[in-house]
C-alpha atoms as a PDB file:
ATOM      1  CA  UNK A   1     164.612 119.330  25.009  1.00  0.00           C
ATOM      2  CA  UNK A   2     162.675 121.045  22.152  1.00  0.00           C
ATOM      3  CA  UNK A   3     161.941 124.513  22.985  1.00  0.00           C
ATOM      4  CA  UNK A   4     158.967 124.709  20.745  1.00  0.00           C
ATOM      5  CA  UNK A   5     157.481 121.789  22.592  1.00  0.00           C
ATOM      6  CA  UNK A   6     157.842 123.536  25.888  1.00  0.00           C
ATOM      7  CA  UNK A   7     156.367 126.740  24.587  1.00  0.00           C
ATOM      8  CA  UNK A   8     153.349 124.729  23.265  1.00  0.00           C
ATOM      9  CA  UNK A   9     152.464 123.537  26.740  1.00  0.00           C
ATOM     10  CA  UNK A  10     149.841 125.857  28.325  1.00  0.00           C
ATOM     11  CA  UNK A  11     150.706 127.699  31.415  1.00  0.00           C
ATOM     12  CA  UNK A  12     147.888 128.282  33.912  1.00  0.00           C
ATOM     13  CA  UNK A  13     147.936 131.178  36.424  1.00  0.00           C
ATOM     14  CA  UNK A  14     146.863 130.868  40.010  1.00  0.00           C
ATOM     15  CA  UNK A  15     143.263 132.057  39.240  1.00  0.00           C
ATOM     16  CA  UNK A  16     142.879 129.362  36.538  1.00  0.00           C
ATOM     17  CA  UNK A  17     144.234 126.715  38.914  1.00  0.00           C
ATOM     18  CA  UNK A  18     141.856 127.906  41.687  1.00  0.00           C
ATOM     19  CA  UNK A  19     138.803 127.653  39.254  1.00  0.00           C
ATOM     20  CA  UNK A  20     140.027 124.225  38.092  1.00  0.00           C
ATOM     21  CA  UNK A  21     140.257 122.947  41.686  1.00  0.00           C
ATOM     22  CA  UNK A  22     136.757 124.414  42.478  1.00  0.00           C
ATOM     23  CA  UNK A  23     135.304 122.725  39.510  1.00  0.00           C
ATOM     24  CA  UNK A  24     136.736 119.405  40.445  1.00  0.00           C
ATOM     25  CA  UNK A  25     135.368 119.784  44.121  1.00  0.00           C
ATOM     26  CA  UNK A  26     132.073 120.827  42.711  1.00  0.00           C
ATOM     27  CA  UNK A  27     131.989 117.787  40.448  1.00  0.00           C
ATOM     28  CA  UNK A  28     132.742 115.420  43.408  1.00  0.00           C
ATOM     29  CA  UNK A  29     129.999 117.036  45.458  1.00  0.00           C
ATOM     30  CA  UNK A  30     127.406 116.706  42.826  1.00  0.00           C
ATOM     31  CA  UNK A  31     128.427 113.101  42.100  1.00  0.00           C
ATOM     32  CA  UNK A  32     128.067 112.166  45.746  1.00  0.00           C
ATOM     33  CA  UNK A  33     124.654 114.014  45.907  1.00  0.00           C
ATOM     34  CA  UNK A  34     123.386 112.198  42.852  1.00  0.00           C
ATOM     35  CA  UNK A  35     124.624 108.760  44.223  1.00  0.00           C
ATOM     36  CA  UNK A  36     122.890 109.483  47.608  1.00  0.00           C
ATOM     37  CA  UNK A  37     119.714 110.383  45.982  1.00  0.00           C
ATOM     38  CA  UNK A  38     119.877 107.256  43.790  1.00  0.00           C
ATOM     39  CA  UNK A  39     120.657 104.992  46.928  1.00  0.00           C
ATOM     40  CA  UNK A  40     117.699 106.644  48.781  1.00  0.00           C
ATOM     41  CA  UNK A  41     115.325 105.898  45.991  1.00  0.00           C
ATOM     42  CA  UNK A  42     116.478 102.240  45.739  1.00  0.00           C
ATOM     43  CA  UNK A  43     116.012 101.785  49.453  1.00  0.00           C
ATOM     44  CA  UNK A  44     112.634 103.390  49.412  1.00  0.00           C
ATOM     45  CA  UNK A  45     111.541 101.029  46.545  1.00  0.00           C
ATOM     46  CA  UNK A  46     112.940  97.949  48.506  1.00  0.00           C
ATOM     47  CA  UNK A  47     110.924  99.063  51.590  1.00  0.00           C
ATOM     48  CA  UNK A  48     107.650  99.645  49.660  1.00  0.00           C
ATOM     49  CA  UNK A  49     107.955  96.311  47.936  1.00  0.00           C
ATOM     50  CA  UNK A  50     108.532  94.616  51.242  1.00  0.00           C
ATOM     51  CA  UNK A  51     111.885  93.115  50.185  1.00  0.00           C
ATOM     52  CA  UNK A  52     113.465  94.007  53.406  1.00  0.00           C
ATOM     53  CA  UNK A  53     113.932  91.290  56.125  1.00  0.00           C
ATOM     54  CA  UNK A  54     112.468  92.044  59.499  1.00  0.00           C
ATOM     55  CA  UNK A  55     115.018  89.847  60.973  1.00  0.00           C
ATOM     56  CA  UNK A  56     117.882  91.957  59.476  1.00  0.00           C
ATOM     57  CA  UNK A  57     116.265  95.163  60.859  1.00  0.00           C
ATOM     58  CA  UNK A  58     115.987  93.716  64.355  1.00  0.00           C
ATOM     59  CA  UNK A  59     119.668  92.590  64.202  1.00  0.00           C
ATOM     60  CA  UNK A  60     120.748  96.126  63.248  1.00  0.00           C
ATOM     61  CA  UNK A  61     118.409  97.566  65.943  1.00  0.00           C
ATOM     62  CA  UNK A  62     120.332  95.527  68.372  1.00  0.00           C
ATOM     63  CA  UNK A  63     123.789  96.507  67.209  1.00  0.00           C
ATOM     64  CA  UNK A  64     122.849 100.201  66.790  1.00  0.00           C
ATOM     65  CA  UNK A  65     120.748 100.700  69.869  1.00  0.00           C
ATOM     66  CA  UNK A  66     121.431  98.185  72.599  1.00  0.00           C
ATOM     67  CA  UNK A  67     125.038  98.056  72.054  1.00  0.00           C
ATOM     68  CA  UNK A  68     125.327 101.786  71.712  1.00  0.00           C
ATOM     69  CA  UNK A  69     123.375 102.471  74.893  1.00  0.00           C
ATOM     70  CA  UNK A  70     126.356 102.552  77.335  1.00  0.00           C
ATOM     71  CA  UNK A  71     128.274 105.253  75.432  1.00  0.00           C
ATOM     72  CA  UNK A  72     125.105 107.265  74.929  1.00  0.00           C
ATOM     73  CA  UNK A  73     124.429 107.163  78.747  1.00  0.00           C
ATOM     74  CA  UNK A  74     127.959 108.388  79.448  1.00  0.00           C
ATOM     75  CA  UNK A  75     127.822 111.012  76.785  1.00  0.00           C
ATOM     76  CA  UNK A  76     124.327 112.304  77.885  1.00  0.00           C
ATOM     77  CA  UNK A  77     125.505 112.351  81.634  1.00  0.00           C
ATOM     78  CA  UNK A  78     128.565 114.277  80.942  1.00  0.00           C
ATOM     79  CA  UNK A  79     126.751 116.762  78.771  1.00  0.00           C
ATOM     80  CA  UNK A  80     124.250 117.541  81.561  1.00  0.00           C
ATOM     81  CA  UNK A  81     127.084 117.711  84.180  1.00  0.00           C
ATOM     82  CA  UNK A  82     129.302 120.018  82.170  1.00  0.00           C
ATOM     83  CA  UNK A  83     126.369 122.241  81.263  1.00  0.00           C
ATOM     84  CA  UNK A  84     125.217 122.552  84.784  1.00  0.00           C
ATOM     85  CA  UNK A  85     128.692 123.172  86.175  1.00  0.00           C
ATOM     86  CA  UNK A  86     129.532 126.013  83.559  1.00  0.00           C
ATOM     87  CA  UNK A  87     126.089 127.590  84.005  1.00  0.00           C
ATOM     88  CA  UNK A  88     126.488 127.634  87.681  1.00  0.00           C
ATOM     89  CA  UNK A  89     129.911 129.311  87.439  1.00  0.00           C
ATOM     90  CA  UNK A  90     128.419 132.001  85.131  1.00  0.00           C
ATOM     91  CA  UNK A  91     125.215 132.720  87.153  1.00  0.00           C
ATOM     92  CA  UNK A  92     126.486 132.676  90.675  1.00  0.00           C
ATOM     93  CA  UNK A  93     125.891 136.181  92.113  1.00  0.00           C
ATOM     94  CA  UNK A  94     124.359 137.662  88.948  1.00  0.00           C
ATOM     95  CA  UNK A  95     121.439 135.670  87.789  1.00  0.00           C
ATOM     96  CA  UNK A  96     118.828 133.816  89.788  1.00  0.00           C
ATOM     97  CA  UNK A  97     120.031 130.287  90.197  1.00  0.00           C
ATOM     98  CA  UNK A  98     116.695 128.758  89.139  1.00  0.00           C
ATOM     99  CA  UNK A  99     117.478 129.870  85.603  1.00  0.00           C
ATOM    100  CA  UNK A 100     120.126 127.161  85.714  1.00  0.00           C
ATOM    101  CA  UNK A 101     117.230 124.562  85.353  1.00  0.00           C
ATOM    102  CA  UNK A 102     116.179 126.255  82.174  1.00  0.00           C
ATOM    103  CA  UNK A 103     119.672 126.267  80.781  1.00  0.00           C
ATOM    104  CA  UNK A 104     120.375 122.638  81.470  1.00  0.00           C
ATOM    105  CA  UNK A 105     116.982 121.460  80.001  1.00  0.00           C
ATOM    106  CA  UNK A 106     117.017 123.612  76.960  1.00  0.00           C
ATOM    107  CA  UNK A 107     120.619 122.987  76.140  1.00  0.00           C
ATOM    108  CA  UNK A 108     120.449 119.217  76.613  1.00  0.00           C
ATOM    109  CA  UNK A 109     117.088 118.840  74.708  1.00  0.00           C
ATOM    110  CA  UNK A 110     117.757 121.189  71.854  1.00  0.00           C
ATOM    111  CA  UNK A 111     121.454 120.783  71.192  1.00  0.00           C
ATOM    112  CA  UNK A 112     123.606 118.522  73.296  1.00  0.00           C
ATOM    113  CA  UNK A 113     121.486 115.389  73.419  1.00  0.00           C
ATOM    114  CA  UNK A 114     120.819 115.044  69.680  1.00  0.00           C
ATOM    115  CA  UNK A 115     124.227 116.364  68.393  1.00  0.00           C
ATOM    116  CA  UNK A 116     126.406 114.486  70.748  1.00  0.00           C
ATOM    117  CA  UNK A 117     124.431 111.234  70.485  1.00  0.00           C
ATOM    118  CA  UNK A 118     124.726 111.596  66.600  1.00  0.00           C
ATOM    119  CA  UNK A 119     128.553 112.227  66.831  1.00  0.00           C
ATOM    120  CA  UNK A 120     128.927 109.078  69.018  1.00  0.00           C
ATOM    121  CA  UNK A 121     126.981 107.046  66.595  1.00  0.00           C
ATOM    122  CA  UNK A 122     129.148 108.300  63.631  1.00  0.00           C
ATOM    123  CA  UNK A 123     132.207 106.805  65.279  1.00  0.00           C
ATOM    124  CA  UNK A 124     130.495 103.718  66.619  1.00  0.00           C
ATOM    125  CA  UNK A 125     127.953 102.739  63.927  1.00  0.00           C
ATOM    126  CA  UNK A 126     128.777 104.751  60.918  1.00  0.00           C
ATOM    127  CA  UNK A 127     132.387 103.728  60.723  1.00  0.00           C
ATOM    128  CA  UNK A 128     131.509 100.047  61.419  1.00  0.00           C
ATOM    129  CA  UNK A 129     128.799 100.024  58.452  1.00  0.00           C
ATOM    130  CA  UNK A 130     131.361 101.633  56.139  1.00  0.00           C
ATOM    131  CA  UNK A 131     134.016  99.197  56.924  1.00  0.00           C
ATOM    132  CA  UNK A 132     131.806  96.155  56.770  1.00  0.00           C
ATOM    133  CA  UNK A 133     130.364  97.035  53.432  1.00  0.00           C
ATOM    134  CA  UNK A 134     133.741  98.200  52.141  1.00  0.00           C
ATOM    135  CA  UNK A 135     135.334  94.808  53.039  1.00  0.00           C
ATOM    136  CA  UNK A 136     132.446  93.065  51.295  1.00  0.00           C
ATOM    137  CA  UNK A 137     133.094  95.235  48.203  1.00  0.00           C
ATOM    138  CA  UNK A 138     136.783  94.546  47.923  1.00  0.00           C
ATOM    139  CA  UNK A 139     136.360  90.877  48.778  1.00  0.00           C
ATOM    140  CA  UNK A 140     133.834  90.690  45.814  1.00  0.00           C
ATOM    141  CA  UNK A 141     131.062  89.528  48.165  1.00  0.00           C
ATOM    142  CA  UNK A 142     128.733  92.290  46.640  1.00  0.00           C
ATOM    143  CA  UNK A 143     129.542  90.997  43.173  1.00  0.00           C
ATOM    144  CA  UNK A 144     128.460  87.533  44.411  1.00  0.00           C
ATOM    145  CA  UNK A 145     125.181  88.837  45.522  1.00  0.00           C
ATOM    146  CA  UNK A 146     124.668  90.345  41.975  1.00  0.00           C
ATOM    147  CA  UNK A 147     125.651  87.145  40.314  1.00  0.00           C
ATOM    148  CA  UNK A 148     123.088  85.175  42.521  1.00  0.00           C
ATOM    149  CA  UNK A 149     120.371  87.681  41.617  1.00  0.00           C
ATOM    150  CA  UNK A 150     120.173  89.064  45.035  1.00  0.00           C
ATOM    151  CA  UNK A 151     119.723  92.735  45.740  1.00  0.00           C
ATOM    152  CA  UNK A 152     122.412  94.133  48.006  1.00  0.00           C
ATOM    153  CA  UNK A 153     120.390  97.225  48.602  1.00  0.00           C
ATOM    154  CA  UNK A 154     117.522  95.240  50.039  1.00  0.00           C
ATOM    155  CA  UNK A 155     119.737  92.896  51.966  1.00  0.00           C
ATOM    156  CA  UNK A 156     122.412  95.318  53.413  1.00  0.00           C
ATOM    157  CA  UNK A 157     121.556  98.907  52.836  1.00  0.00           C
ATOM    158  CA  UNK A 158     117.747  99.093  53.713  1.00  0.00           C
ATOM    159  CA  UNK A 159     117.832  97.310  57.181  1.00  0.00           C
ATOM    160  CA  UNK A 160     120.656  99.582  58.331  1.00  0.00           C
ATOM    161  CA  UNK A 161     118.863 102.724  57.273  1.00  0.00           C
ATOM    162  CA  UNK A 162     115.472 101.631  58.679  1.00  0.00           C
ATOM    163  CA  UNK A 163     117.190 100.678  61.989  1.00  0.00           C
ATOM    164  CA  UNK A 164     118.835 104.184  62.185  1.00  0.00           C
ATOM    165  CA  UNK A 165     115.536 105.811  61.673  1.00  0.00           C
ATOM    166  CA  UNK A 166     113.951 103.881  64.440  1.00  0.00           C
ATOM    167  CA  UNK A 167     116.718 103.675  67.054  1.00  0.00           C
ATOM    168  CA  UNK A 168     118.025 107.321  66.790  1.00  0.00           C
ATOM    169  CA  UNK A 169     115.032 109.055  68.432  1.00  0.00           C
ATOM    170  CA  UNK A 170     115.023 106.450  71.151  1.00  0.00           C
ATOM    171  CA  UNK A 171     118.633 107.028  71.895  1.00  0.00           C
ATOM    172  CA  UNK A 172     118.252 110.807  71.826  1.00  0.00           C
ATOM    173  CA  UNK A 173     115.284 110.594  74.193  1.00  0.00           C
ATOM    174  CA  UNK A 174     117.409 108.525  76.638  1.00  0.00           C
ATOM    175  CA  UNK A 175     120.276 111.023  76.262  1.00  0.00           C
ATOM    176  CA  UNK A 176     117.960 113.865  76.999  1.00  0.00           C
ATOM    177  CA  UNK A 177     116.612 112.216  80.115  1.00  0.00           C
ATOM    178  CA  UNK A 178     119.926 111.266  81.579  1.00  0.00           C
ATOM    179  CA  UNK A 179     121.386 114.654  80.712  1.00  0.00           C
ATOM    180  CA  UNK A 180     118.780 116.476  82.597  1.00  0.00           C
ATOM    181  CA  UNK A 181     118.915 114.094  85.513  1.00  0.00           C
ATOM    182  CA  UNK A 182     122.673 114.453  85.727  1.00  0.00           C
ATOM    183  CA  UNK A 183     122.445 118.206  85.362  1.00  0.00           C
ATOM    184  CA  UNK A 184     119.928 118.246  88.145  1.00  0.00           C
ATOM    185  CA  UNK A 185     122.266 116.338  90.550  1.00  0.00           C
ATOM    186  CA  UNK A 186     125.303 118.408  89.593  1.00  0.00           C
ATOM    187  CA  UNK A 187     123.368 121.713  90.071  1.00  0.00           C
ATOM    188  CA  UNK A 188     122.380 120.520  93.674  1.00  0.00           C
ATOM    189  CA  UNK A 189     125.940 119.434  94.389  1.00  0.00           C
ATOM    190  CA  UNK A 190     127.844 122.355  92.866  1.00  0.00           C
ATOM    191  CA  UNK A 191     125.825 125.413  93.683  1.00  0.00           C
ATOM    192  CA  UNK A 192     123.177 124.128  96.087  1.00  0.00           C
ATOM    193  CA  UNK A 193     120.300 124.553  93.822  1.00  0.00           C
ATOM    194  CA  UNK A 194     117.267 122.548  95.123  1.00  0.00           C
ATOM    195  CA  UNK A 195     115.292 120.161  93.063  1.00  0.00           C
ATOM    196  CA  UNK A 196     112.117 122.319  93.170  1.00  0.00           C
ATOM    197  CA  UNK A 197     114.037 125.390  92.102  1.00  0.00           C
ATOM    198  CA  UNK A 198     115.632 123.619  89.303  1.00  0.00           C
ATOM    199  CA  UNK A 199     112.229 122.289  87.952  1.00  0.00           C
ATOM    200  CA  UNK A 200     110.780 125.756  88.367  1.00  0.00           C
ATOM    201  CA  UNK A 201     113.345 127.298  86.231  1.00  0.00           C
ATOM    202  CA  UNK A 202     112.917 124.362  83.660  1.00  0.00           C
ATOM    203  CA  UNK A 203     109.171 124.879  83.469  1.00  0.00           C
ATOM    204  CA  UNK A 204     109.527 128.580  83.242  1.00  0.00           C
ATOM    205  CA  UNK A 205     111.098 128.698  79.756  1.00  0.00           C
ATOM    206  CA  UNK A 206     109.920 125.369  78.504  1.00  0.00           C
ATOM    207  CA  UNK A 207     108.064 124.969  75.254  1.00  0.00           C
ATOM    208  CA  UNK A 208     106.367 121.808  74.072  1.00  0.00           C
ATOM    209  CA  UNK A 209     107.872 122.543  70.748  1.00  0.00           C
ATOM    210  CA  UNK A 210     111.328 121.856  72.028  1.00  0.00           C
ATOM    211  CA  UNK A 211     110.801 118.080  72.458  1.00  0.00           C
ATOM    212  CA  UNK A 212     109.426 117.842  68.873  1.00  0.00           C
ATOM    213  CA  UNK A 213     112.467 119.881  67.760  1.00  0.00           C
ATOM    214  CA  UNK A 214     114.826 117.403  69.517  1.00  0.00           C
ATOM    215  CA  UNK A 215     113.196 114.361  68.040  1.00  0.00           C
ATOM    216  CA  UNK A 216     113.067 115.812  64.600  1.00  0.00           C
ATOM    217  CA  UNK A 217     116.807 116.372  64.772  1.00  0.00           C
ATOM    218  CA  UNK A 218     117.251 112.729  65.867  1.00  0.00           C
ATOM    219  CA  UNK A 219     115.200 111.443  62.868  1.00  0.00           C
ATOM    220  CA  UNK A 220     117.217 113.476  60.341  1.00  0.00           C
ATOM    221  CA  UNK A 221     120.542 112.403  61.970  1.00  0.00           C
ATOM    222  CA  UNK A 222     119.177 108.818  62.014  1.00  0.00           C
ATOM    223  CA  UNK A 223     118.599 108.900  58.230  1.00  0.00           C
ATOM    224  CA  UNK A 224     121.919 110.694  57.433  1.00  0.00           C
ATOM    225  CA  UNK A 225     124.344 108.532  59.369  1.00  0.00           C
ATOM    226  CA  UNK A 226     123.478 105.054  58.020  1.00  0.00           C
ATOM    227  CA  UNK A 227     122.669 106.510  54.421  1.00  0.00           C
ATOM    228  CA  UNK A 228     126.088 108.059  54.133  1.00  0.00           C
ATOM    229  CA  UNK A 229     128.051 105.197  55.719  1.00  0.00           C
ATOM    230  CA  UNK A 230     126.259 102.730  53.220  1.00  0.00           C
ATOM    231  CA  UNK A 231     126.881 105.086  50.297  1.00  0.00           C
ATOM    232  CA  UNK A 232     130.674 105.324  51.217  1.00  0.00           C
ATOM    233  CA  UNK A 233     130.950 101.627  51.996  1.00  0.00           C
ATOM    234  CA  UNK A 234     129.495 100.528  48.555  1.00  0.00           C
ATOM    235  CA  UNK A 235     132.103 102.990  46.734  1.00  0.00           C
ATOM    236  CA  UNK A 236     135.246 101.415  48.405  1.00  0.00           C
ATOM    237  CA  UNK A 237     138.135 100.507  46.231  1.00  0.00           C
ATOM    238  CA  UNK A 238     141.681  99.392  46.646  1.00  0.00           C
ATOM    239  CA  UNK A 239     141.692  96.503  49.020  1.00  0.00           C
ATOM    240  CA  UNK A 240     142.377  96.831  52.635  1.00  0.00           C
ATOM    241  CA  UNK A 241     144.052 100.151  52.314  1.00  0.00           C
ATOM    242  CA  UNK A 242     140.943 101.405  50.428  1.00  0.00           C
ATOM    243  CA  UNK A 243     138.689 100.291  53.222  1.00  0.00           C
ATOM    244  CA  UNK A 244     140.738 102.266  55.728  1.00  0.00           C
ATOM    245  CA  UNK A 245     140.709 105.403  53.611  1.00  0.00           C
ATOM    246  CA  UNK A 246     137.017 105.211  52.706  1.00  0.00           C
ATOM    247  CA  UNK A 247     136.081 104.672  56.408  1.00  0.00           C
ATOM    248  CA  UNK A 248     138.117 107.833  57.394  1.00  0.00           C
ATOM    249  CA  UNK A 249     136.449 109.752  54.732  1.00  0.00           C
ATOM    250  CA  UNK A 250     133.022 108.488  55.737  1.00  0.00           C
ATOM    251  CA  UNK A 251     133.468 109.669  59.338  1.00  0.00           C
ATOM    252  CA  UNK A 252     134.618 113.011  58.170  1.00  0.00           C
ATOM    253  CA  UNK A 253     131.702 113.241  55.810  1.00  0.00           C
ATOM    254  CA  UNK A 254     129.137 112.275  58.376  1.00  0.00           C
ATOM    255  CA  UNK A 255     130.564 114.552  60.949  1.00  0.00           C
ATOM    256  CA  UNK A 256     130.488 117.506  58.656  1.00  0.00           C
ATOM    257  CA  UNK A 257     126.890 116.669  57.511  1.00  0.00           C
ATOM    258  CA  UNK A 258     125.644 116.385  61.135  1.00  0.00           C
ATOM    259  CA  UNK A 259     127.154 119.996  61.901  1.00  0.00           C
ATOM    260  CA  UNK A 260     125.664 121.516  58.765  1.00  0.00           C
ATOM    261  CA  UNK A 261     122.253 119.962  59.285  1.00  0.00           C
ATOM    262  CA  UNK A 262     122.482 121.135  62.894  1.00  0.00           C
ATOM    263  CA  UNK A 263     123.169 124.667  61.878  1.00  0.00           C
ATOM    264  CA  UNK A 264     120.153 124.551  59.489  1.00  0.00           C
ATOM    265  CA  UNK A 265     117.695 123.466  62.176  1.00  0.00           C
ATOM    266  CA  UNK A 266     117.378 126.854  64.143  1.00  0.00           C
ATOM    267  CA  UNK A 267     116.543 129.101  61.104  1.00  0.00           C
ATOM    268  CA  UNK A 268     114.219 126.407  59.796  1.00  0.00           C
ATOM    269  CA  UNK A 269     112.335 125.459  63.019  1.00  0.00           C
ATOM    270  CA  UNK A 270     112.988 128.076  65.779  1.00  0.00           C
ATOM    271  CA  UNK A 271     111.848 131.195  63.924  1.00  0.00           C
END
């Protein structure tokens, strides 16, 4: 081995390697942000120009909404029951029990309903969209659309995003209602709180803004989930293994995005 050649190779310290890694991560983040912005603009143009099929939107509404309804009902019910049980345990003997009604309603409406519904749809809807579009990419079906002069954004992406925008507030509203109802039954069964006392406590600290806050969260999540899943699906490479890898990355990406957006809502809308 030539010693002069080995001496000519640069040696980077840990600080330089850290900055190199941070630069690569920043580059990837900015690349995704730019691609998401471009995809959003293309979807908006397709919608404004009325190039989106209403039949495709209805089909996606059925798949995202009706088929997701059972798991949303289960999730909302469990959220209300667990909140009621833990609140009853904490309040017994120290706080008036009617406050439990406010705790259940506010927790379900402001946080548990929108966030848990979004997390459920990430796994059920977001992963499916990413896998579907990823499979179409690796099997060259997307290239076939381009060769035929068809726009995959108008045919595949826009109906899924529009359906997410329409269906997510409805699912969150159902989750809120079933969560409150389940919390009411659990509070009566666990700590003996009467229905009148439960609703008295719920009205005591209720704000009409809370419902708007919940549905605003649902709308933002309804945009983010299909948009990210479409974006990741169209970036798939590497055959069947690539579809699995991209789907896993998309689920992680969507889950992290939901949690970050959720953390941004209180300082922006509850101040």
